[in-house]
Amino acid sequence: MAATWEVAKARNPAEVYNEKRRIIFAQMQKDSAVAKTWLDGYRKTLGPTGYTGLKAEVAFFEQYRKDLNLVVAADIGDATDFVGVVDGAMHRIDVTTNIAFKRLASYEPLQLEGALYKVAVFDQGSFDLVDINFPFCGQCQSGRILPTAVLLEENHNRHGDSQWSNDQLLVNICSACGEVEVADRITTPFLYDFGSLYRDLNEAKYEADVLDGAPIDVRAEAAAYARRASRYLSDVFGTRLVAVGGKDYEITSPRDGDGYWTVKFEDQLPLVQEHLQDKYPWDLSNG
């Protein structure tokens, strides 16, 4: 009998979360200080993940309630924590402490019906409202047009002398058919392309191995570089990039070196990994 009672007592964590969420937000309408005290009291009941997630929702509601005219949404499996007005349009808002756990497919059923979404990413006490309303492709009608960056090779003048700079492209690419549009182009000193980066890293690794120096993890260094480049270019281009990469030659015939150029992505947001391929054919006229 005792064992049966223990089984009956166990509750689904999602059920517990939603129950406490309703209690907390009902109290938030009356007294936010009391609501936050109750939230701290539920810390053990909610568990680390539940407590952190609900605390982020409370922080978002408290910070943006008036500015975005927020309404608390019920949990009906539509990836919506709040509904609010962003830039004059009604948006569904999903609050998270880690966008790596989010997938674009979760939002698509309602996006196909015209719903707009923002993901509010909570990091170190502040929120970043990420726009995930990527247009559907007008060519194939099934893919999403995703903003990516391509790092190009070093610039040279007509005499072949280095200009000590590289160009970077903002490339909108369809996740399904690979339709490409170069939307912007900038020039930056010392933001190297990935071909140059790998060459330098491999040389440094070889020297470290020969001289018995500190080991160099080429893949880890390249991944860190890609993330830094993505953050920088997101700021410069004024849009959150979902991937960053460079030109890469795909050899189809080792015998004679025949092949074709691709754009190969070195870093992608997990949000779009189920949509975006690692590489796409690249027309050299694009850069």
Protein backbone atom coordinates (compact mmCIF):
# COMPACT_ATOMS: atom_id res chain seq x y z
CA MET A 1 0.00 0.00 0.00
CA ALA A 2 2.84 2.41 0.86
CA ALA A 3 4.52 1.84 -2.51
CA THR A 4 1.23 2.47 -4.33
CA TRP A 5 0.77 5.72 -2.40
CA GLU A 6 4.29 6.87 -3.32
CA VAL A 7 3.56 6.31 -7.03
CA ALA A 8 0.30 8.22 -6.77
CA LYS A 9 2.04 11.06 -4.98
CA ALA A 10 4.58 11.60 -7.77
CA ARG A 11 3.49 14.36 -10.18
CA ASN A 12 4.60 15.34 -13.62
CA PRO A 13 7.11 18.24 -13.35
CA ALA A 14 5.25 20.13 -16.09
CA GLU A 15 2.02 19.84 -14.11
CA VAL A 16 3.73 21.17 -10.98
CA TYR A 17 5.33 24.00 -12.96
CA ASN A 18 2.05 25.12 -14.51
CA GLU A 19 0.26 25.00 -11.17
CA LYS A 20 2.87 27.17 -9.45
CA ARG A 21 3.02 29.45 -12.48
CA ARG A 22 -0.71 30.15 -12.26
CA ILE A 23 -0.41 30.92 -8.55
CA ILE A 24 2.60 33.20 -9.02
CA PHE A 25 1.15 35.23 -11.87
CA ALA A 26 -2.22 35.59 -10.18
CA GLN A 27 -0.35 37.15 -7.26
CA MET A 28 1.85 39.24 -9.59
CA GLN A 29 -1.31 41.16 -10.57
CA LYS A 30 -1.77 42.12 -6.90
CA ASP A 31 1.68 42.33 -5.29
CA SER A 32 4.84 41.42 -7.17
CA ALA A 33 6.99 41.41 -4.01
CA VAL A 34 4.78 38.78 -2.39
CA ALA A 35 4.72 36.76 -5.63
CA LYS A 36 8.52 36.68 -5.75
CA THR A 37 8.64 35.59 -2.12
CA TRP A 38 6.28 32.73 -2.94
CA LEU A 39 8.44 31.82 -5.93
CA ASP A 40 11.49 31.48 -3.68
CA GLY A 41 9.39 29.27 -1.41
CA TYR A 42 8.62 26.97 -4.35
CA ARG A 43 12.29 26.60 -5.27
CA LYS A 44 12.63 23.03 -4.01
CA THR A 45 9.24 21.98 -5.37
CA LEU A 46 10.01 23.31 -8.84
CA GLY A 47 13.57 21.95 -8.97
CA PRO A 48 16.55 23.85 -10.43
CA THR A 49 15.29 23.96 -14.03
CA GLY A 50 11.71 24.87 -13.17
CA TYR A 51 12.72 27.52 -10.66
CA THR A 52 15.18 29.16 -13.07
CA GLY A 53 12.64 29.16 -15.89
CA LEU A 54 9.80 30.60 -13.83
CA LYS A 55 12.09 33.20 -12.27
CA ALA A 56 13.01 34.36 -15.79
CA GLU A 57 9.33 34.63 -16.74
CA VAL A 58 8.60 36.68 -13.63
CA ALA A 59 11.55 38.98 -14.36
CA PHE A 60 10.38 39.48 -17.95
CA PHE A 61 6.81 40.21 -16.90
CA GLU A 62 7.94 42.69 -14.28
CA GLN A 63 10.32 44.46 -16.68
CA TYR A 64 8.15 44.59 -19.80
CA ARG A 65 4.57 44.38 -18.53
CA LYS A 66 3.72 48.02 -19.25
CA ASP A 67 5.97 48.65 -22.25
CA LEU A 68 4.68 45.64 -24.21
CA ASN A 69 1.16 45.47 -22.72
CA LEU A 70 1.89 41.89 -21.69
CA VAL A 71 -0.82 39.30 -21.13
CA VAL A 72 0.11 36.00 -19.47
CA ALA A 73 -0.59 33.09 -21.80
CA ALA A 74 -1.91 29.70 -20.75
CA ASP A 75 0.28 26.66 -21.39
CA ILE A 76 -1.38 24.90 -24.32
CA GLY A 77 1.78 23.67 -26.04
CA ASP A 78 2.17 26.60 -28.45
CA ALA A 79 5.53 27.85 -27.12
CA THR A 80 3.92 31.03 -25.81
CA ASP A 81 4.53 32.44 -22.33
CA PHE A 82 3.15 35.92 -22.98
CA VAL A 83 1.37 37.90 -25.65
CA GLY A 84 2.45 41.50 -26.16
CA VAL A 85 2.80 44.35 -28.62
CA VAL A 86 6.31 44.69 -30.13
CA ASP A 87 6.96 47.40 -32.74
CA GLY A 88 3.23 47.95 -33.11
CA ALA A 89 2.37 44.31 -33.86
CA MET A 90 0.99 41.56 -31.63
CA HIS A 91 3.62 38.94 -30.84
CA ARG A 92 3.72 35.68 -28.97
CA ILE A 93 6.72 35.68 -26.64
CA ASP A 94 8.64 32.63 -25.45
CA VAL A 95 10.95 33.28 -22.49
CA THR A 96 14.07 31.16 -22.10
CA THR A 97 17.38 31.16 -20.26
CA ASN A 98 19.06 29.18 -23.04
CA ILE A 99 18.15 29.56 -26.69
CA ALA A 100 20.17 26.43 -27.46
CA PHE A 101 17.16 24.38 -26.34
CA LYS A 102 14.79 26.10 -28.77
CA ARG A 103 13.89 24.80 -32.24
CA LEU A 104 12.29 26.77 -35.06
CA ALA A 105 9.91 23.88 -35.80
CA SER A 106 8.15 24.50 -32.47
CA TYR A 107 6.88 27.86 -33.70
CA GLU A 108 6.13 27.05 -37.34
CA PRO A 109 2.55 25.68 -37.05
CA LEU A 110 1.27 29.07 -35.89
CA GLN A 111 3.77 31.06 -37.96
CA LEU A 112 2.27 29.41 -41.04
CA GLU A 113 -1.04 30.96 -39.97
CA GLY A 114 0.54 34.39 -39.64
CA ALA A 115 1.46 34.46 -35.94
CA LEU A 116 4.53 36.50 -34.98
CA TYR A 117 7.01 35.29 -32.37
CA LYS A 118 9.87 36.67 -30.30
CA VAL A 119 12.16 34.62 -28.08
CA ALA A 120 13.14 36.55 -24.95
CA VAL A 121 16.57 35.25 -23.94
CA PHE A 122 17.45 35.98 -20.30
CA ASP A 123 21.17 36.37 -19.71
CA GLN A 124 22.94 37.98 -16.77
CA GLY A 125 19.93 39.96 -15.63
CA SER A 126 18.80 41.37 -18.98
CA PHE A 127 16.73 40.19 -21.93
CA ASP A 128 17.48 39.98 -25.64
CA LEU A 129 14.33 39.86 -27.78
CA VAL A 130 15.26 37.62 -30.70
CA ASP A 131 13.19 37.89 -33.86
CA ILE A 132 12.49 34.43 -35.28
CA ASN A 133 9.91 35.47 -37.88
CA PHE A 134 12.01 34.36 -40.81
CA PRO A 135 10.04 34.71 -44.07
CA PHE A 136 8.98 31.63 -45.99
CA CYS A 137 10.73 31.27 -49.34
CA GLY A 138 8.87 32.71 -52.33
CA GLN A 139 10.60 30.24 -54.68
CA CYS A 140 10.01 26.84 -53.06
CA GLN A 141 7.29 27.93 -50.59
CA SER A 142 8.64 25.55 -47.94
CA GLY A 143 12.02 26.84 -46.74
CA ARG A 144 12.74 29.77 -44.42
CA ILE A 145 14.88 32.72 -45.48
CA LEU A 146 17.65 32.77 -42.87
CA PRO A 147 20.21 35.56 -42.24
CA THR A 148 23.78 34.25 -42.34
CA ALA A 149 27.25 35.73 -42.77
CA VAL A 150 30.02 34.67 -45.14
CA LEU A 151 33.64 35.66 -44.45
CA LEU A 152 35.58 36.28 -47.65
CA GLU A 153 39.29 36.04 -48.47
CA GLU A 154 41.79 38.85 -47.97
CA ASN A 155 41.40 41.83 -50.28
CA HIS A 156 44.17 42.68 -52.75
CA ASN A 157 44.64 45.60 -55.10
CA ARG A 158 45.08 45.18 -58.85
CA HIS A 159 48.82 44.68 -58.37
CA GLY A 160 48.23 41.78 -56.01
CA ASP A 161 49.28 43.65 -52.88
CA SER A 162 47.38 43.00 -49.67
CA GLN A 163 44.97 45.70 -48.54
CA TRP A 164 45.02 44.26 -45.01
CA SER A 165 41.27 43.78 -44.94
CA ASN A 166 38.57 41.22 -45.68
CA ASP A 167 34.98 41.58 -46.87
CA GLN A 168 32.02 40.02 -45.09
CA LEU A 169 28.62 39.37 -46.62
CA LEU A 170 25.16 39.31 -45.10
CA VAL A 171 23.59 36.43 -47.00
CA ASN A 172 19.91 35.55 -46.84
CA ILE A 173 19.61 31.89 -47.78
CA CYS A 174 16.62 29.59 -48.16
CA SER A 175 16.95 26.61 -45.87
CA ALA A 176 15.26 24.29 -48.38
CA CYS A 177 16.18 25.26 -51.94
CA GLY A 178 19.37 27.21 -51.23
CA GLU A 179 18.17 30.38 -52.96
CA VAL A 180 20.75 33.06 -52.07
CA GLU A 181 20.53 36.82 -51.79
CA VAL A 182 23.50 38.98 -50.78
CA ALA A 183 21.82 41.68 -48.71
CA ASP A 184 24.84 43.65 -47.48
CA ARG A 185 28.63 43.79 -47.73
CA ILE A 186 31.18 45.39 -45.39
CA THR A 187 34.96 45.57 -45.16
CA THR A 188 36.73 44.88 -41.88
CA PRO A 189 40.46 44.88 -41.04
CA PHE A 190 41.70 41.57 -39.66
CA LEU A 191 38.43 39.61 -39.65
CA TYR A 192 39.98 36.69 -41.47
CA ASP A 193 38.20 34.13 -43.61
CA PHE A 194 38.04 30.55 -42.34
CA GLY A 195 40.50 29.23 -44.92
CA SER A 196 43.18 31.59 -43.58
CA LEU A 197 42.17 30.86 -40.01
CA TYR A 198 42.54 27.09 -40.41
CA ARG A 199 45.88 27.52 -42.18
CA ASP A 200 47.24 29.65 -39.33
CA LEU A 201 45.83 27.36 -36.63
CA ASN A 202 47.23 24.23 -38.26
CA GLU A 203 50.66 25.86 -38.58
CA ALA A 204 50.54 26.89 -34.92
CA LYS A 205 49.47 23.38 -33.92
CA TYR A 206 52.33 21.84 -35.89
CA GLU A 207 54.88 24.17 -34.28
CA ALA A 208 53.44 23.47 -30.82
CA ASP A 209 53.65 19.72 -31.43
CA VAL A 210 57.22 19.92 -32.71
CA LEU A 211 58.39 22.19 -29.92
CA ASP A 212 56.36 20.34 -27.29
CA GLY A 213 54.45 23.52 -26.52
CA ALA A 214 50.92 24.01 -25.24
CA PRO A 215 48.53 21.85 -27.32
CA ILE A 216 46.19 23.64 -29.72
CA ASP A 217 42.67 22.34 -30.39
CA VAL A 218 42.09 23.59 -33.92
CA ARG A 219 38.36 22.79 -33.99
CA ALA A 220 37.70 24.42 -30.63
CA GLU A 221 39.67 27.55 -31.58
CA ALA A 222 37.84 27.83 -34.92
CA ALA A 223 34.45 27.37 -33.24
CA ALA A 224 35.22 30.10 -30.71
CA TYR A 225 36.34 32.41 -33.53
CA ALA A 226 33.11 31.71 -35.44
CA ARG A 227 30.98 32.60 -32.42
CA ARG A 228 32.87 35.85 -31.90
CA ALA A 229 32.53 36.74 -35.58
CA SER A 230 28.81 35.96 -35.49
CA ARG A 231 28.22 38.23 -32.49
CA TYR A 232 30.23 41.06 -34.05
CA LEU A 233 28.56 40.83 -37.45
CA SER A 234 25.10 40.54 -35.90
CA ASP A 235 25.71 43.95 -34.34
CA VAL A 236 27.15 45.45 -37.53
CA PHE A 237 24.44 44.12 -39.86
CA GLY A 238 21.69 44.87 -37.33
CA THR A 239 20.17 41.40 -37.41
CA ARG A 240 20.69 38.26 -35.32
CA LEU A 241 22.65 35.90 -37.56
CA VAL A 242 21.74 32.23 -37.37
CA ALA A 243 24.99 30.99 -38.95
CA VAL A 244 28.43 32.12 -40.08
CA GLY A 245 30.73 30.45 -42.58
CA GLY A 246 33.00 30.85 -45.57
CA LYS A 247 33.70 29.66 -49.09
CA ASP A 248 34.94 26.10 -49.43
CA TYR A 249 35.86 24.05 -52.51
CA GLU A 250 34.13 20.67 -52.69
CA ILE A 251 36.22 18.23 -54.76
CA THR A 252 34.13 15.73 -56.71
CA SER A 253 36.97 14.21 -58.71
CA PRO A 254 40.26 13.80 -56.77
CA ARG A 255 41.95 12.68 -59.96
CA ASP A 256 41.71 16.00 -61.79
CA GLY A 257 40.59 18.30 -58.96
CA ASP A 258 37.18 19.01 -60.45
CA GLY A 259 34.55 20.21 -58.03
CA TYR A 260 32.42 23.18 -57.11
CA TRP A 261 32.38 26.03 -54.61
CA THR A 262 30.16 25.94 -51.58
CA VAL A 263 29.43 28.15 -48.62
CA LYS A 264 30.22 26.03 -45.58
CA PHE A 265 28.84 27.07 -42.20
CA GLU A 266 31.23 26.83 -39.27
CA ASP A 267 28.72 27.79 -36.59
CA GLN A 268 24.92 27.64 -36.44
CA LEU A 269 22.35 28.47 -33.82
CA PRO A 270 20.75 25.23 -32.58
CA LEU A 271 17.46 27.02 -33.30
CA VAL A 272 17.88 26.37 -37.05
CA GLN A 273 20.06 23.26 -37.17
CA GLU A 274 17.13 21.13 -38.34
CA HIS A 275 16.52 23.59 -41.19
CA LEU A 276 19.94 24.73 -42.33
CA GLN A 277 22.39 22.39 -44.06
CA ASP A 278 26.11 22.54 -43.30
CA LYS A 279 26.89 23.70 -46.83
CA TYR A 280 25.21 25.01 -49.99
CA PRO A 281 26.43 25.48 -53.57
CA TRP A 282 27.95 28.94 -53.97
CA ASP A 283 27.91 31.06 -57.11
CA LEU A 284 31.27 32.84 -57.35
CA SER A 285 29.52 35.92 -58.72
CA ASN A 286 28.17 36.46 -55.20
CA GLY A 287 31.60 37.27 -53.82
